[in-house]
Amino acid sequence: MHTRVVYTQAPRVERRFLDRAAQLDDRSVPIAETYRRVRDLAEQMGIPRPSYERLRLHLRATRRREEDRTRTRDLVLQLAYNTRPANVVVPELLRLVD
């Protein structure tokens, strides 16, 4: 007879959970801490909790997209207000778009 607690992990993670986890992500703490904070969220939502690896991949991608958006916005503003030469800004923008 087993007396250990066995957790269920989801092969697919629900989008609504990932969205909520991304909202709760605090970049000042490691992703492992974010995982500890949001793992009970899955139980509250009535869904199997995702693996740490799955959540880590999602949060890293989310953080990267946010950084790219911020960088793109800054470059567009530099181009619009002519604070940096276009021949420098445009190639950076094109690299972000690829």
N, C-alpha and C. Protein backbone atom coordinates (compact mmCIF):
# COMPACT_ATOMS: atom_id res chain seq x y z
N MET A 1 0.84 -1.19 0.00
CA MET A 1 0.00 0.00 0.00
C MET A 1 0.89 1.25 0.00
N HIS A 2 0.57 2.16 -0.89
CA HIS A 2 1.34 3.41 -1.00
C HIS A 2 0.78 4.45 -0.05
N THR A 3 1.67 5.14 0.60
CA THR A 3 1.24 6.21 1.51
C THR A 3 1.72 7.57 1.05
N ARG A 4 2.43 7.61 -0.09
CA ARG A 4 2.93 8.87 -0.63
C ARG A 4 1.83 9.60 -1.39
N VAL A 5 1.98 10.89 -1.46
CA VAL A 5 1.08 11.70 -2.27
C VAL A 5 1.64 11.72 -3.68
N VAL A 6 0.80 11.46 -4.67
CA VAL A 6 1.20 11.50 -6.07
C VAL A 6 0.43 12.62 -6.74
N TYR A 7 1.18 13.52 -7.37
CA TYR A 7 0.55 14.66 -8.04
C TYR A 7 0.29 14.32 -9.50
N THR A 8 -0.81 14.81 -10.01
CA THR A 8 -1.14 14.66 -11.41
C THR A 8 -0.52 15.81 -12.18
N GLN A 9 0.10 15.49 -13.30
CA GLN A 9 0.64 16.54 -14.15
C GLN A 9 -0.04 16.47 -15.51
N ALA A 10 -0.24 17.64 -16.08
CA ALA A 10 -0.98 17.73 -17.33
C ALA A 10 -0.06 17.58 -18.54
N PRO A 11 -0.43 16.74 -19.52
CA PRO A 11 0.34 16.68 -20.75
C PRO A 11 0.16 17.95 -21.57
N ARG A 12 -1.03 18.51 -21.50
CA ARG A 12 -1.32 19.80 -22.15
C ARG A 12 -1.78 20.75 -21.07
N VAL A 13 -1.34 21.97 -21.20
CA VAL A 13 -1.66 22.96 -20.18
C VAL A 13 -2.69 23.91 -20.75
N GLU A 14 -3.71 24.18 -19.96
CA GLU A 14 -4.77 25.08 -20.42
C GLU A 14 -4.26 26.50 -20.57
N ARG A 15 -4.68 27.14 -21.63
CA ARG A 15 -4.26 28.50 -21.95
C ARG A 15 -4.62 29.46 -20.81
N ARG A 16 -5.78 29.30 -20.23
CA ARG A 16 -6.18 30.22 -19.16
C ARG A 16 -5.25 30.13 -17.96
N PHE A 17 -4.74 28.92 -17.68
CA PHE A 17 -3.77 28.78 -16.60
C PHE A 17 -2.47 29.49 -16.95
N LEU A 18 -1.97 29.27 -18.17
CA LEU A 18 -0.72 29.90 -18.59
C LEU A 18 -0.84 31.42 -18.59
N ASP A 19 -1.99 31.93 -19.00
CA ASP A 19 -2.20 33.37 -18.99
C ASP A 19 -2.15 33.92 -17.56
N ARG A 20 -2.82 33.23 -16.64
CA ARG A 20 -2.82 33.66 -15.24
C ARG A 20 -1.42 33.56 -14.64
N ALA A 21 -0.70 32.49 -14.97
CA ALA A 21 0.66 32.32 -14.46
C ALA A 21 1.56 33.45 -14.96
N ALA A 22 1.41 33.83 -16.22
CA ALA A 22 2.22 34.92 -16.78
C ALA A 22 1.90 36.24 -16.08
N GLN A 23 0.65 36.45 -15.72
CA GLN A 23 0.27 37.67 -15.01
C GLN A 23 0.88 37.70 -13.61
N LEU A 24 1.01 36.53 -12.99
CA LEU A 24 1.55 36.45 -11.64
C LEU A 24 3.08 36.38 -11.62
N ASP A 25 3.69 36.24 -12.78
CA ASP A 25 5.14 36.12 -12.85
C ASP A 25 5.80 37.40 -12.36
N ASP A 26 6.74 37.23 -11.45
CA ASP A 26 7.51 38.34 -10.90
C ASP A 26 8.96 38.14 -11.32
N ARG A 27 9.45 39.01 -12.18
CA ARG A 27 10.81 38.85 -12.72
C ARG A 27 11.90 39.02 -11.67
N SER A 28 11.54 39.54 -10.51
CA SER A 28 12.56 39.73 -9.47
C SER A 28 12.86 38.44 -8.70
N VAL A 29 12.09 37.40 -8.98
CA VAL A 29 12.33 36.11 -8.33
C VAL A 29 12.57 35.05 -9.41
N PRO A 30 13.26 33.97 -9.07
CA PRO A 30 13.47 32.90 -10.05
C PRO A 30 12.15 32.26 -10.50
N ILE A 31 12.18 31.68 -11.69
CA ILE A 31 10.98 31.02 -12.21
C ILE A 31 10.54 29.89 -11.28
N ALA A 32 11.48 29.24 -10.61
CA ALA A 32 11.11 28.18 -9.66
C ALA A 32 10.20 28.72 -8.56
N GLU A 33 10.47 29.93 -8.11
CA GLU A 33 9.61 30.53 -7.09
C GLU A 33 8.23 30.84 -7.66
N THR A 34 8.19 31.32 -8.89
CA THR A 34 6.89 31.56 -9.54
C THR A 34 6.13 30.25 -9.64
N TYR A 35 6.83 29.17 -9.99
CA TYR A 35 6.18 27.86 -10.07
C TYR A 35 5.58 27.47 -8.72
N ARG A 36 6.32 27.68 -7.65
CA ARG A 36 5.79 27.35 -6.32
C ARG A 36 4.55 28.18 -6.01
N ARG A 37 4.56 29.42 -6.48
CA ARG A 37 3.42 30.31 -6.20
C ARG A 37 2.17 29.94 -7.00
N VAL A 38 2.36 29.45 -8.23
CA VAL A 38 1.20 29.21 -9.09
C VAL A 38 0.75 27.75 -9.13
N ARG A 39 1.51 26.84 -8.54
CA ARG A 39 1.11 25.43 -8.66
C ARG A 39 -0.23 25.15 -7.98
N ASP A 40 -0.55 25.89 -6.93
CA ASP A 40 -1.85 25.73 -6.29
C ASP A 40 -2.97 26.33 -7.13
N LEU A 41 -2.61 27.23 -8.02
CA LEU A 41 -3.59 27.84 -8.92
C LEU A 41 -4.29 26.78 -9.77
N ALA A 42 -3.53 25.81 -10.24
CA ALA A 42 -4.12 24.74 -11.06
C ALA A 42 -5.17 23.98 -10.26
N GLU A 43 -4.86 23.71 -9.02
CA GLU A 43 -5.83 23.00 -8.18
C GLU A 43 -7.09 23.84 -7.99
N GLN A 44 -6.92 25.12 -7.77
CA GLN A 44 -8.07 26.01 -7.61
C GLN A 44 -8.91 26.06 -8.88
N MET A 45 -8.24 25.95 -10.03
CA MET A 45 -8.95 25.99 -11.31
C MET A 45 -9.52 24.63 -11.68
N GLY A 46 -9.16 23.60 -10.92
CA GLY A 46 -9.67 22.26 -11.19
C GLY A 46 -9.02 21.58 -12.38
N ILE A 47 -7.75 21.90 -12.63
CA ILE A 47 -7.04 21.30 -13.75
C ILE A 47 -5.75 20.66 -13.23
N PRO A 48 -5.20 19.69 -13.96
CA PRO A 48 -3.93 19.11 -13.54
C PRO A 48 -2.83 20.16 -13.59
N ARG A 49 -1.93 20.09 -12.65
CA ARG A 49 -0.87 21.09 -12.61
C ARG A 49 0.19 20.76 -13.65
N PRO A 50 0.72 21.77 -14.32
CA PRO A 50 1.74 21.52 -15.35
C PRO A 50 3.08 21.20 -14.71
N SER A 51 3.97 20.63 -15.50
CA SER A 51 5.31 20.37 -15.00
C SER A 51 6.05 21.69 -14.87
N TYR A 52 7.09 21.67 -14.06
CA TYR A 52 7.93 22.85 -13.90
C TYR A 52 8.53 23.24 -15.25
N GLU A 53 8.99 22.24 -16.00
CA GLU A 53 9.63 22.50 -17.29
C GLU A 53 8.69 23.23 -18.25
N ARG A 54 7.45 22.77 -18.31
CA ARG A 54 6.46 23.39 -19.21
C ARG A 54 6.21 24.83 -18.82
N LEU A 55 6.06 25.08 -17.52
CA LEU A 55 5.82 26.45 -17.07
C LEU A 55 7.05 27.32 -17.32
N ARG A 56 8.24 26.79 -17.08
CA ARG A 56 9.48 27.54 -17.31
C ARG A 56 9.60 27.96 -18.77
N LEU A 57 9.33 27.02 -19.68
CA LEU A 57 9.39 27.35 -21.11
C LEU A 57 8.40 28.45 -21.47
N HIS A 58 7.19 28.34 -20.92
CA HIS A 58 6.16 29.35 -21.21
C HIS A 58 6.57 30.72 -20.67
N LEU A 59 7.05 30.77 -19.44
CA LEU A 59 7.41 32.05 -18.85
C LEU A 59 8.62 32.68 -19.54
N ARG A 60 9.58 31.87 -19.94
CA ARG A 60 10.73 32.41 -20.67
C ARG A 60 10.29 32.99 -22.01
N ALA A 61 9.40 32.31 -22.70
CA ALA A 61 8.89 32.82 -23.99
C ALA A 61 8.10 34.11 -23.77
N THR A 62 7.29 34.13 -22.72
CA THR A 62 6.49 35.32 -22.41
C THR A 62 7.40 36.50 -22.10
N ARG A 63 8.42 36.26 -21.30
CA ARG A 63 9.36 37.33 -20.96
C ARG A 63 10.09 37.84 -22.20
N ARG A 64 10.47 36.91 -23.07
CA ARG A 64 11.17 37.30 -24.30
C ARG A 64 10.27 38.16 -25.19
N ARG A 65 9.00 37.77 -25.33
CA ARG A 65 8.06 38.55 -26.15
C ARG A 65 7.88 39.95 -25.57
N GLU A 66 7.77 40.05 -24.25
CA GLU A 66 7.61 41.36 -23.62
C GLU A 66 8.84 42.24 -23.85
N GLU A 67 10.02 41.63 -23.74
CA GLU A 67 11.26 42.39 -23.99
C GLU A 67 11.31 42.86 -25.44
N ASP A 68 10.92 41.99 -26.37
CA ASP A 68 10.92 42.36 -27.79
C ASP A 68 9.92 43.48 -28.06
N ARG A 69 8.75 43.42 -27.44
CA ARG A 69 7.75 44.48 -27.61
C ARG A 69 8.28 45.82 -27.10
N THR A 70 8.89 45.78 -25.93
CA THR A 70 9.44 47.01 -25.35
C THR A 70 10.54 47.58 -26.24
N ARG A 71 11.42 46.71 -26.71
CA ARG A 71 12.51 47.15 -27.59
C ARG A 71 11.97 47.72 -28.90
N THR A 72 10.97 47.05 -29.46
CA THR A 72 10.36 47.53 -30.71
C THR A 72 9.74 48.90 -30.51
N ARG A 73 9.01 49.07 -29.43
CA ARG A 73 8.38 50.37 -29.13
C ARG A 73 9.44 51.46 -29.01
N ASP A 74 10.53 51.16 -28.30
CA ASP A 74 11.60 52.15 -28.13
C ASP A 74 12.22 52.52 -29.48
N LEU A 75 12.45 51.52 -30.32
CA LEU A 75 13.05 51.80 -31.63
C LEU A 75 12.12 52.62 -32.52
N VAL A 76 10.83 52.30 -32.48
CA VAL A 76 9.87 53.07 -33.29
C VAL A 76 9.83 54.52 -32.82
N LEU A 77 9.87 54.72 -31.51
CA LEU A 77 9.88 56.09 -30.99
C LEU A 77 11.16 56.82 -31.38
N GLN A 78 12.28 56.12 -31.35
CA GLN A 78 13.54 56.74 -31.78
C GLN A 78 13.47 57.14 -33.25
N LEU A 79 12.86 56.29 -34.03
CA LEU A 79 12.71 56.59 -35.45
C LEU A 79 11.74 57.74 -35.66
N ALA A 80 10.62 57.73 -34.95
CA ALA A 80 9.60 58.77 -35.11
C ALA A 80 10.11 60.14 -34.67
N TYR A 81 10.87 60.17 -33.59
CA TYR A 81 11.36 61.45 -33.08
C TYR A 81 12.77 61.77 -33.57
N ASN A 82 13.29 60.91 -34.44
CA ASN A 82 14.59 61.14 -35.06
C ASN A 82 15.70 61.36 -34.03
N THR A 83 15.67 60.54 -32.96
CA THR A 83 16.70 60.66 -31.93
C THR A 83 17.93 59.81 -32.25
N ARG A 84 17.78 58.87 -33.18
CA ARG A 84 18.90 58.07 -33.68
C ARG A 84 18.75 57.97 -35.18
N PRO A 85 19.85 57.82 -35.89
CA PRO A 85 19.77 57.74 -37.35
C PRO A 85 18.95 56.53 -37.81
N ALA A 86 18.17 56.72 -38.84
CA ALA A 86 17.33 55.65 -39.38
C ALA A 86 18.16 54.46 -39.85
N ASN A 87 19.35 54.71 -40.39
CA ASN A 87 20.17 53.61 -40.89
C ASN A 87 20.69 52.72 -39.75
N VAL A 88 20.56 53.16 -38.51
CA VAL A 88 20.92 52.34 -37.35
C VAL A 88 19.67 51.67 -36.77
N VAL A 89 18.58 52.41 -36.71
CA VAL A 89 17.35 51.92 -36.09
C VAL A 89 16.65 50.87 -36.95
N VAL A 90 16.54 51.10 -38.24
CA VAL A 90 15.79 50.18 -39.12
C VAL A 90 16.38 48.76 -39.10
N PRO A 91 17.69 48.57 -39.21
CA PRO A 91 18.21 47.20 -39.14
C PRO A 91 17.88 46.50 -37.81
N GLU A 92 17.92 47.27 -36.71
CA GLU A 92 17.55 46.68 -35.41
C GLU A 92 16.09 46.26 -35.41
N LEU A 93 15.23 47.10 -35.98
CA LEU A 93 13.81 46.75 -36.06
C LEU A 93 13.60 45.49 -36.92
N LEU A 94 14.30 45.41 -38.00
CA LEU A 94 14.16 44.25 -38.89
C LEU A 94 14.63 42.96 -38.20
N ARG A 95 15.65 43.05 -37.38
CA ARG A 95 16.11 41.86 -36.64
C ARG A 95 15.05 41.40 -35.65
N LEU A 96 14.35 42.35 -35.03
CA LEU A 96 13.30 42.01 -34.07
C LEU A 96 12.10 41.37 -34.76
N VAL A 97 11.82 41.80 -35.97
CA VAL A 97 10.66 41.29 -36.70
C VAL A 97 10.89 39.85 -37.17
N ASP A 98 12.13 39.52 -37.51
CA ASP A 98 12.43 38.17 -38.00
C ASP A 98 12.19 37.14 -36.97
